[in-house]
C-alpha atoms as a PDB file:
ATOM      1  CA  UNK A   1      96.875  95.322  97.583  1.00  0.00           C
ATOM      2  CA  UNK A   2      93.302  96.525  98.046  1.00  0.00           C
ATOM      3  CA  UNK A   3      92.612 100.269  97.705  1.00  0.00           C
ATOM      4  CA  UNK A   4      96.236 101.382  98.348  1.00  0.00           C
ATOM      5  CA  UNK A   5      95.746 104.880  99.796  1.00  0.00           C
ATOM      6  CA  UNK A   6      99.266 105.627 101.079  1.00  0.00           C
ATOM      7  CA  UNK A   7     100.472 109.069  99.947  1.00  0.00           C
ATOM      8  CA  UNK A   8      98.512 111.732 101.825  1.00  0.00           C
ATOM      9  CA  UNK A   9      97.122 109.234 104.293  1.00  0.00           C
ATOM     10  CA  UNK A  10      97.874 110.571 107.788  1.00  0.00           C
ATOM     11  CA  UNK A  11      97.772 107.038 109.196  1.00  0.00           C
ATOM     12  CA  UNK A  12     100.546 105.994 106.825  1.00  0.00           C
ATOM     13  CA  UNK A  13     103.021 108.668 107.874  1.00  0.00           C
ATOM     14  CA  UNK A  14     106.376 107.201 108.844  1.00  0.00           C
ATOM     15  CA  UNK A  15     105.794 103.977 106.939  1.00  0.00           C
ATOM     16  CA  UNK A  16     107.601 102.894 103.779  1.00  0.00           C
ATOM     17  CA  UNK A  17     105.576 102.767 100.546  1.00  0.00           C
ATOM     18  CA  UNK A  18     108.282 100.745  98.856  1.00  0.00           C
ATOM     19  CA  UNK A  19     108.154  98.101 101.561  1.00  0.00           C
ATOM     20  CA  UNK A  20     104.363  97.867 101.317  1.00  0.00           C
ATOM     21  CA  UNK A  21     104.384  97.527  97.533  1.00  0.00           C
ATOM     22  CA  UNK A  22     107.406  95.252  97.208  1.00  0.00           C
ATOM     23  CA  UNK A  23     106.436  92.039  95.410  1.00  0.00           C
ATOM     24  CA  UNK A  24     102.867  93.127  94.705  1.00  0.00           C
ATOM     25  CA  UNK A  25     101.356  91.318  91.715  1.00  0.00           C
ATOM     26  CA  UNK A  26      97.766  92.613  91.825  1.00  0.00           C
ATOM     27  CA  UNK A  27      95.929  95.747  92.968  1.00  0.00           C
ATOM     28  CA  UNK A  28      92.183  95.462  93.587  1.00  0.00           C
ATOM     29  CA  UNK A  29      90.043  98.614  93.697  1.00  0.00           C
ATOM     30  CA  UNK A  30      86.559  98.802  95.189  1.00  0.00           C
ATOM     31  CA  UNK A  31      85.544 102.230  93.841  1.00  0.00           C
ATOM     32  CA  UNK A  32      86.782 105.493  92.375  1.00  0.00           C
ATOM     33  CA  UNK A  33      87.242 107.826  95.336  1.00  0.00           C
ATOM     34  CA  UNK A  34      90.706 109.327  95.665  1.00  0.00           C
ATOM     35  CA  UNK A  35      91.333 107.747  99.058  1.00  0.00           C
ATOM     36  CA  UNK A  36      90.853 104.313  97.483  1.00  0.00           C
ATOM     37  CA  UNK A  37      92.540 104.647  94.105  1.00  0.00           C
ATOM     38  CA  UNK A  38      95.386 106.294  96.018  1.00  0.00           C
ATOM     39  CA  UNK A  39      98.830 105.207  94.804  1.00  0.00           C
ATOM     40  CA  UNK A  40      97.542 102.590  92.364  1.00  0.00           C
ATOM     41  CA  UNK A  41      99.152 103.995  89.229  1.00  0.00           C
ATOM     42  CA  UNK A  42     102.570 104.625  90.786  1.00  0.00           C
ATOM     43  CA  UNK A  43     102.680 101.167  92.380  1.00  0.00           C
ATOM     44  CA  UNK A  44     101.496  99.491  89.182  1.00  0.00           C
ATOM     45  CA  UNK A  45     104.235 101.220  87.200  1.00  0.00           C
ATOM     46  CA  UNK A  46     106.929 100.313  89.692  1.00  0.00           C
ATOM     47  CA  UNK A  47     105.923  96.687  90.211  1.00  0.00           C
ATOM     48  CA  UNK A  48     104.132  95.707  86.998  1.00  0.00           C
ATOM     49  CA  UNK A  49     101.101  94.746  89.073  1.00  0.00           C
ATOM     50  CA  UNK A  50      97.792  93.987  87.382  1.00  0.00           C
ATOM     51  CA  UNK A  51      95.000  96.392  88.385  1.00  0.00           C
ATOM     52  CA  UNK A  52      91.543  94.865  88.861  1.00  0.00           C
ATOM     53  CA  UNK A  53      88.720  97.403  88.971  1.00  0.00           C
ATOM     54  CA  UNK A  54      85.380  98.230  87.429  1.00  0.00           C
ATOM     55  CA  UNK A  55      85.303  99.100  83.743  1.00  0.00           C
ATOM     56  CA  UNK A  56      85.028 102.867  84.210  1.00  0.00           C
ATOM     57  CA  UNK A  57      87.978 103.043  86.610  1.00  0.00           C
ATOM     58  CA  UNK A  58      90.141 100.967  84.284  1.00  0.00           C
ATOM     59  CA  UNK A  59      89.296 103.153  81.295  1.00  0.00           C
ATOM     60  CA  UNK A  60      89.847 106.336  83.325  1.00  0.00           C
ATOM     61  CA  UNK A  61      93.233 105.251  84.625  1.00  0.00           C
ATOM     62  CA  UNK A  62      94.252 104.065  81.182  1.00  0.00           C
ATOM     63  CA  UNK A  63      93.228 107.243  79.386  1.00  0.00           C
ATOM     64  CA  UNK A  64      94.232 109.870  81.941  1.00  0.00           C
ATOM     65  CA  UNK A  65      97.120 108.167  83.739  1.00  0.00           C
ATOM     66  CA  UNK A  66      98.601 105.873  81.132  1.00  0.00           C
ATOM     67  CA  UNK A  67      97.833 102.674  83.024  1.00  0.00           C
ATOM     68  CA  UNK A  68      98.392  99.761  80.656  1.00  0.00           C
ATOM     69  CA  UNK A  69      97.956  96.583  82.688  1.00  0.00           C
ATOM     70  CA  UNK A  70      94.389  96.237  83.943  1.00  0.00           C
ATOM     71  CA  UNK A  71      91.504  93.752  84.014  1.00  0.00           C
ATOM     72  CA  UNK A  72      88.036  95.390  83.998  1.00  0.00           C
ATOM     73  CA  UNK A  73      85.076  93.831  85.763  1.00  0.00           C
ATOM     74  CA  UNK A  74      81.660  94.927  86.995  1.00  0.00           C
ATOM     75  CA  UNK A  75      79.007  94.016  89.551  1.00  0.00           C
ATOM     76  CA  UNK A  76      78.291  90.295  89.529  1.00  0.00           C
ATOM     77  CA  UNK A  77      81.297  89.493  87.371  1.00  0.00           C
ATOM     78  CA  UNK A  78      84.284  87.322  88.200  1.00  0.00           C
ATOM     79  CA  UNK A  79      87.837  87.483  86.864  1.00  0.00           C
ATOM     80  CA  UNK A  80      90.427  84.752  87.307  1.00  0.00           C
ATOM     81  CA  UNK A  81      94.104  85.232  88.104  1.00  0.00           C
ATOM     82  CA  UNK A  82      96.803  82.814  89.235  1.00  0.00           C
ATOM     83  CA  UNK A  83      95.805  81.487  92.636  1.00  0.00           C
ATOM     84  CA  UNK A  84      92.563  83.416  93.081  1.00  0.00           C
ATOM     85  CA  UNK A  85      89.383  84.839  91.582  1.00  0.00           C
ATOM     86  CA  UNK A  86      87.795  88.235  92.253  1.00  0.00           C
ATOM     87  CA  UNK A  87      84.014  88.630  92.176  1.00  0.00           C
ATOM     88  CA  UNK A  88      82.507  92.093  92.389  1.00  0.00           C
ATOM     89  CA  UNK A  89      79.376  92.465  94.533  1.00  0.00           C
ATOM     90  CA  UNK A  90      77.136  95.351  95.509  1.00  0.00           C
ATOM     91  CA  UNK A  91      77.997  98.163  97.900  1.00  0.00           C
ATOM     92  CA  UNK A  92      75.905 101.191  98.869  1.00  0.00           C
ATOM     93  CA  UNK A  93      78.131 104.206  98.361  1.00  0.00           C
ATOM     94  CA  UNK A  94      79.300 106.488  95.527  1.00  0.00           C
ATOM     95  CA  UNK A  95      82.218 106.308  93.097  1.00  0.00           C
ATOM     96  CA  UNK A  96      83.271 109.641  91.612  1.00  0.00           C
ATOM     97  CA  UNK A  97      86.722 111.101  91.075  1.00  0.00           C
ATOM     98  CA  UNK A  98      87.059 114.832  91.680  1.00  0.00           C
ATOM     99  CA  UNK A  99      89.955 116.378  89.795  1.00  0.00           C
ATOM    100  CA  UNK A 100      92.043 119.302  91.040  1.00  0.00           C
ATOM    101  CA  UNK A 101      89.892 121.740  89.050  1.00  0.00           C
ATOM    102  CA  UNK A 102      86.848 120.602  91.025  1.00  0.00           C
ATOM    103  CA  UNK A 103      85.206 118.619  88.224  1.00  0.00           C
ATOM    104  CA  UNK A 104      83.528 115.402  89.313  1.00  0.00           C
ATOM    105  CA  UNK A 105      83.832 112.369  87.036  1.00  0.00           C
ATOM    106  CA  UNK A 106      81.588 109.365  87.607  1.00  0.00           C
ATOM    107  CA  UNK A 107      83.632 106.174  87.761  1.00  0.00           C
ATOM    108  CA  UNK A 108      80.905 103.552  87.716  1.00  0.00           C
ATOM    109  CA  UNK A 109      79.287 101.927  90.712  1.00  0.00           C
ATOM    110  CA  UNK A 110      80.923 101.159  94.059  1.00  0.00           C
ATOM    111  CA  UNK A 111      81.556  97.532  94.906  1.00  0.00           C
ATOM    112  CA  UNK A 112      82.629  95.042  97.454  1.00  0.00           C
ATOM    113  CA  UNK A 113      85.007  92.305  96.327  1.00  0.00           C
ATOM    114  CA  UNK A 114      85.008  88.587  97.145  1.00  0.00           C
ATOM    115  CA  UNK A 115      88.402  86.935  96.776  1.00  0.00           C
ATOM    116  CA  UNK A 116      88.340  83.145  96.444  1.00  0.00           C
ATOM    117  CA  UNK A 117      91.809  81.636  96.851  1.00  0.00           C
ATOM    118  CA  UNK A 118      93.094  78.231  95.796  1.00  0.00           C
ATOM    119  CA  UNK A 119      94.779  77.626  99.133  1.00  0.00           C
ATOM    120  CA  UNK A 120      93.362  80.124 101.625  1.00  0.00           C
ATOM    121  CA  UNK A 121      90.016  81.141 103.167  1.00  0.00           C
ATOM    122  CA  UNK A 122      87.592  83.213 101.122  1.00  0.00           C
ATOM    123  CA  UNK A 123      87.752  86.937 101.888  1.00  0.00           C
ATOM    124  CA  UNK A 124      85.120  89.639 101.431  1.00  0.00           C
ATOM    125  CA  UNK A 125      86.204  93.255 101.369  1.00  0.00           C
ATOM    126  CA  UNK A 126      82.869  95.064 101.689  1.00  0.00           C
ATOM    127  CA  UNK A 127      84.232  98.275 100.181  1.00  0.00           C
ATOM    128  CA  UNK A 128      82.654 101.454 101.478  1.00  0.00           C
ATOM    129  CA  UNK A 129      79.031 100.626 102.204  1.00  0.00           C
ATOM    130  CA  UNK A 130      75.970 100.768 104.391  1.00  0.00           C
ATOM    131  CA  UNK A 131      74.108  97.663 105.479  1.00  0.00           C
ATOM    132  CA  UNK A 132      71.698  96.124 102.952  1.00  0.00           C
ATOM    133  CA  UNK A 133      69.657  92.949 103.088  1.00  0.00           C
ATOM    134  CA  UNK A 134      71.213  91.403  99.966  1.00  0.00           C
ATOM    135  CA  UNK A 135      74.349  90.881 102.027  1.00  0.00           C
ATOM    136  CA  UNK A 136      72.584  87.618 102.860  1.00  0.00           C
ATOM    137  CA  UNK A 137      72.866  86.600  99.200  1.00  0.00           C
ATOM    138  CA  UNK A 138      76.563  87.482  99.148  1.00  0.00           C
ATOM    139  CA  UNK A 139      77.039  85.143 102.080  1.00  0.00           C
ATOM    140  CA  UNK A 140      74.905  82.406 100.510  1.00  0.00           C
ATOM    141  CA  UNK A 141      76.800  82.548  97.227  1.00  0.00           C
ATOM    142  CA  UNK A 142      80.344  82.955  98.526  1.00  0.00           C
ATOM    143  CA  UNK A 143      80.441  82.015 102.240  1.00  0.00           C
ATOM    144  CA  UNK A 144      83.378  84.300 103.070  1.00  0.00           C
ATOM    145  CA  UNK A 145      85.326  83.343 106.165  1.00  0.00           C
ATOM    146  CA  UNK A 146      87.142  86.670 106.469  1.00  0.00           C
ATOM    147  CA  UNK A 147      85.434  90.048 106.383  1.00  0.00           C
ATOM    148  CA  UNK A 148      87.084  93.442 105.943  1.00  0.00           C
ATOM    149  CA  UNK A 149      84.347  95.755 107.171  1.00  0.00           C
ATOM    150  CA  UNK A 150      84.026  99.568 107.110  1.00  0.00           C
ATOM    151  CA  UNK A 151      82.965 100.933 110.494  1.00  0.00           C
ATOM    152  CA  UNK A 152      83.926 104.624 110.627  1.00  0.00           C
ATOM    153  CA  UNK A 153      80.472 106.236 110.142  1.00  0.00           C
ATOM    154  CA  UNK A 154      79.699 109.402 108.131  1.00  0.00           C
ATOM    155  CA  UNK A 155      80.773 107.942 104.763  1.00  0.00           C
ATOM    156  CA  UNK A 156      80.036 104.292 105.587  1.00  0.00           C
ATOM    157  CA  UNK A 157      77.996 102.462 108.169  1.00  0.00           C
ATOM    158  CA  UNK A 158      79.002 103.113 111.764  1.00  0.00           C
ATOM    159  CA  UNK A 159      80.122 100.561 114.311  1.00  0.00           C
ATOM    160  CA  UNK A 160      76.705  99.429 115.570  1.00  0.00           C
ATOM    161  CA  UNK A 161      75.257  98.975 112.084  1.00  0.00           C
ATOM    162  CA  UNK A 162      78.394  97.246 110.834  1.00  0.00           C
ATOM    163  CA  UNK A 163      78.158  94.811 113.732  1.00  0.00           C
ATOM    164  CA  UNK A 164      74.520  94.110 112.835  1.00  0.00           C
ATOM    165  CA  UNK A 165      75.560  93.406 109.235  1.00  0.00           C
ATOM    166  CA  UNK A 166      78.240  90.965 110.354  1.00  0.00           C
ATOM    167  CA  UNK A 167      76.101  89.150 112.884  1.00  0.00           C
ATOM    168  CA  UNK A 168      72.897  88.967 110.835  1.00  0.00           C
ATOM    169  CA  UNK A 169      74.149  88.254 107.336  1.00  0.00           C
ATOM    170  CA  UNK A 170      77.544  86.544 107.614  1.00  0.00           C
ATOM    171  CA  UNK A 171      79.328  83.707 109.363  1.00  0.00           C
ATOM    172  CA  UNK A 172      82.787  85.237 109.491  1.00  0.00           C
ATOM    173  CA  UNK A 173      85.510  83.506 111.476  1.00  0.00           C
ATOM    174  CA  UNK A 174      87.664  86.652 111.348  1.00  0.00           C
ATOM    175  CA  UNK A 175      86.612  90.288 110.979  1.00  0.00           C
ATOM    176  CA  UNK A 176      89.058  93.104 110.269  1.00  0.00           C
ATOM    177  CA  UNK A 177      87.506  96.575 110.750  1.00  0.00           C
ATOM    178  CA  UNK A 178      88.580  99.321 108.356  1.00  0.00           C
ATOM    179  CA  UNK A 179      87.772 102.883 107.246  1.00  0.00           C
ATOM    180  CA  UNK A 180      88.127 104.442 110.696  1.00  0.00           C
ATOM    181  CA  UNK A 181      90.724 106.585 112.433  1.00  0.00           C
ATOM    182  CA  UNK A 182      92.187 108.033 109.234  1.00  0.00           C
ATOM    183  CA  UNK A 183      90.662 111.510 109.404  1.00  0.00           C
ATOM    184  CA  UNK A 184      89.162 113.384 112.392  1.00  0.00           C
ATOM    185  CA  UNK A 185      85.639 113.298 110.902  1.00  0.00           C
ATOM    186  CA  UNK A 186      85.581 109.490 111.103  1.00  0.00           C
ATOM    187  CA  UNK A 187      85.289 107.453 114.289  1.00  0.00           C
ATOM    188  CA  UNK A 188      88.745 107.386 115.806  1.00  0.00           C
ATOM    189  CA  UNK A 189      88.615 103.841 117.164  1.00  0.00           C
ATOM    190  CA  UNK A 190      86.797 100.537 116.650  1.00  0.00           C
ATOM    191  CA  UNK A 191      85.306 100.638 120.141  1.00  0.00           C
ATOM    192  CA  UNK A 192      81.679 101.079 119.031  1.00  0.00           C
ATOM    193  CA  UNK A 193      81.999  98.196 116.607  1.00  0.00           C
ATOM    194  CA  UNK A 194      83.625  95.846 119.099  1.00  0.00           C
ATOM    195  CA  UNK A 195      81.033  96.693 121.749  1.00  0.00           C
ATOM    196  CA  UNK A 196      78.153  96.068 119.346  1.00  0.00           C
ATOM    197  CA  UNK A 197      79.611  92.688 118.351  1.00  0.00           C
ATOM    198  CA  UNK A 198      78.860  91.598 121.935  1.00  0.00           C
ATOM    199  CA  UNK A 199      79.504  87.863 122.277  1.00  0.00           C
ATOM    200  CA  UNK A 200      81.187  87.749 118.877  1.00  0.00           C
ATOM    201  CA  UNK A 201      83.751  90.423 119.738  1.00  0.00           C
ATOM    202  CA  UNK A 202      86.469  87.778 119.773  1.00  0.00           C
ATOM    203  CA  UNK A 203      86.167  87.483 116.001  1.00  0.00           C
ATOM    204  CA  UNK A 204      87.422  91.058 115.569  1.00  0.00           C
ATOM    205  CA  UNK A 205      91.114  91.505 114.784  1.00  0.00           C
ATOM    206  CA  UNK A 206      92.173  95.155 114.923  1.00  0.00           C
ATOM    207  CA  UNK A 207      95.303  96.241 113.086  1.00  0.00           C
ATOM    208  CA  UNK A 208      97.463  99.259 113.750  1.00  0.00           C
ATOM    209  CA  UNK A 209      99.066 101.052 110.757  1.00  0.00           C
ATOM    210  CA  UNK A 210     101.935  98.872 109.615  1.00  0.00           C
ATOM    211  CA  UNK A 211     100.595  95.849 111.476  1.00  0.00           C
ATOM    212  CA  UNK A 212      99.990  92.432 109.986  1.00  0.00           C
ATOM    213  CA  UNK A 213      97.742  89.438 110.425  1.00  0.00           C
ATOM    214  CA  UNK A 214      98.244  85.924 109.078  1.00  0.00           C
ATOM    215  CA  UNK A 215      94.998  84.176 108.129  1.00  0.00           C
END
């Protein structure tokens, strides 16, 4: 699982958390916001899954939530697990956790994550980010075939900018848009992104909540 925000997610209503987390062996986190850490601790306890996250998030979850099984990493670093590696790359965003008493705790830097698999195409989850020119280096180093790309605007790049990032800096064969339609303040659909992809719109695979895609 990547950033398993299930409980409290209006797009997840009516779906089964147990079904989603059944058989999970690893949870990968891109940054420390509550809508990305989400149900990590509960799922990790129930399944025994290994949590992969930056050092600060791992220490925070261990100290404050009793998480025991984690593998810390940071920007530029790679960790190896059975069948895949996870390399953390830059993202332009923030990464603080705000507790119920309103106190903000910095949880390191935000990241994207490149997943290299032994027997599957390389995947880049950009995390929450704006466009930046060093995306070209991410592509040069890792050549991801699959991109999970935030497009919802306000807290990440919007559809037109996300399309520019994909078309200028990457050679994706499949693009899955994310971080839209969850809350009213985000773009409700992927229409702006698909339109801005122009002749490459066929690369975009949109998923509905509970949907699946085999790559």
